[in-house]
Amino acid sequence: MREFPNYTLDDISDFTGLRRSSIGKTVPKLRSRRLVERTGSKRNGGWIVHYDG
């Protein structure tokens, strides 16, 4: 997400090799912990990663 902030969940799924449903379950957990956030619109938005570990 940090390297490719414009990726959609489908793009992340293709890149990682994980199923789309797994990505769809993981991202809300990361968002609730404020490790990532989505900015902008669904079409033109991007991801901001707040975790440096």
C-alpha atoms as a PDB file:
ATOM      1  CA  MET A   1       0.000   0.000   0.000  1.00  0.00           C
ATOM      2  CA  ARG A   2       2.838   2.352   0.752  1.00  0.00           C
ATOM      3  CA  GLU A   3       4.560   1.672  -2.580  1.00  0.00           C
ATOM      4  CA  PHE A   4       1.332   1.645  -4.606  1.00  0.00           C
ATOM      5  CA  PRO A   5      -1.160   3.919  -2.808  1.00  0.00           C
ATOM      6  CA  ASN A   6      -3.620   3.914  -5.701  1.00  0.00           C
ATOM      7  CA  TYR A   7      -4.120   0.148  -5.625  1.00  0.00           C
ATOM      8  CA  THR A   8      -7.633  -1.152  -5.124  1.00  0.00           C
ATOM      9  CA  LEU A   9      -8.393  -4.182  -2.976  1.00  0.00           C
ATOM     10  CA  ASP A  10      -8.462  -6.273  -6.155  1.00  0.00           C
ATOM     11  CA  ASP A  11      -5.016  -4.959  -7.112  1.00  0.00           C
ATOM     12  CA  ILE A  12      -3.676  -5.757  -3.636  1.00  0.00           C
ATOM     13  CA  SER A  13      -5.140  -9.242  -3.942  1.00  0.00           C
ATOM     14  CA  ASP A  14      -3.416  -9.819  -7.291  1.00  0.00           C
ATOM     15  CA  PHE A  15      -0.119  -8.406  -6.001  1.00  0.00           C
ATOM     16  CA  THR A  16      -0.033 -10.463  -2.795  1.00  0.00           C
ATOM     17  CA  GLY A  17      -1.638 -13.633  -4.100  1.00  0.00           C
ATOM     18  CA  LEU A  18      -4.202 -13.553  -1.285  1.00  0.00           C
ATOM     19  CA  ARG A  19      -7.899 -13.904  -1.979  1.00  0.00           C
ATOM     20  CA  ARG A  20      -9.957 -10.741  -2.305  1.00  0.00           C
ATOM     21  CA  SER A  21     -12.115 -11.824   0.635  1.00  0.00           C
ATOM     22  CA  SER A  22      -9.035 -12.072   2.879  1.00  0.00           C
ATOM     23  CA  ILE A  23      -7.937  -8.581   1.898  1.00  0.00           C
ATOM     24  CA  GLY A  24     -11.476  -7.342   2.457  1.00  0.00           C
ATOM     25  CA  LYS A  25     -11.444  -8.713   6.014  1.00  0.00           C
ATOM     26  CA  THR A  26      -7.937  -7.505   6.868  1.00  0.00           C
ATOM     27  CA  VAL A  27      -8.147  -3.901   5.674  1.00  0.00           C
ATOM     28  CA  PRO A  28     -10.980  -2.895   8.060  1.00  0.00           C
ATOM     29  CA  LYS A  29      -8.934  -4.269  10.965  1.00  0.00           C
ATOM     30  CA  LEU A  30      -5.952  -2.179   9.880  1.00  0.00           C
ATOM     31  CA  ARG A  31      -8.194   0.856   9.495  1.00  0.00           C
ATOM     32  CA  SER A  32      -9.735   0.412  12.958  1.00  0.00           C
ATOM     33  CA  ARG A  33      -6.221   0.335  14.447  1.00  0.00           C
ATOM     34  CA  ARG A  34      -5.423   3.485  12.437  1.00  0.00           C
ATOM     35  CA  LEU A  35      -2.522   1.790  10.669  1.00  0.00           C
ATOM     36  CA  VAL A  36      -3.888   2.684   7.229  1.00  0.00           C
ATOM     37  CA  GLU A  37      -6.460   5.098   5.912  1.00  0.00           C
ATOM     38  CA  ARG A  38      -8.070   5.705   2.570  1.00  0.00           C
ATOM     39  CA  THR A  39      -8.143   9.242   1.210  1.00  0.00           C
ATOM     40  CA  GLY A  40     -10.080  10.633  -1.697  1.00  0.00           C
ATOM     41  CA  SER A  41     -12.780   8.921  -3.676  1.00  0.00           C
ATOM     42  CA  LYS A  42     -13.144   5.247  -4.488  1.00  0.00           C
ATOM     43  CA  ARG A  43     -12.015   5.919  -8.008  1.00  0.00           C
ATOM     44  CA  ASN A  44      -9.225   8.446  -7.476  1.00  0.00           C
ATOM     45  CA  GLY A  45      -8.288   7.829  -3.853  1.00  0.00           C
ATOM     46  CA  GLY A  46      -5.199   6.370  -2.295  1.00  0.00           C
ATOM     47  CA  TRP A  47      -3.927   4.634   0.824  1.00  0.00           C
ATOM     48  CA  ILE A  48      -1.865   6.300   3.540  1.00  0.00           C
ATOM     49  CA  VAL A  49       0.142   3.944   5.752  1.00  0.00           C
ATOM     50  CA  HIS A  50       0.819   5.143   9.291  1.00  0.00           C
ATOM     51  CA  TYR A  51       2.881   2.148  10.398  1.00  0.00           C
ATOM     52  CA  ASP A  52       6.672   2.370  10.081  1.00  0.00           C
ATOM     53  CA  GLY A  53       7.574  -1.040  11.583  1.00  0.00           C
END
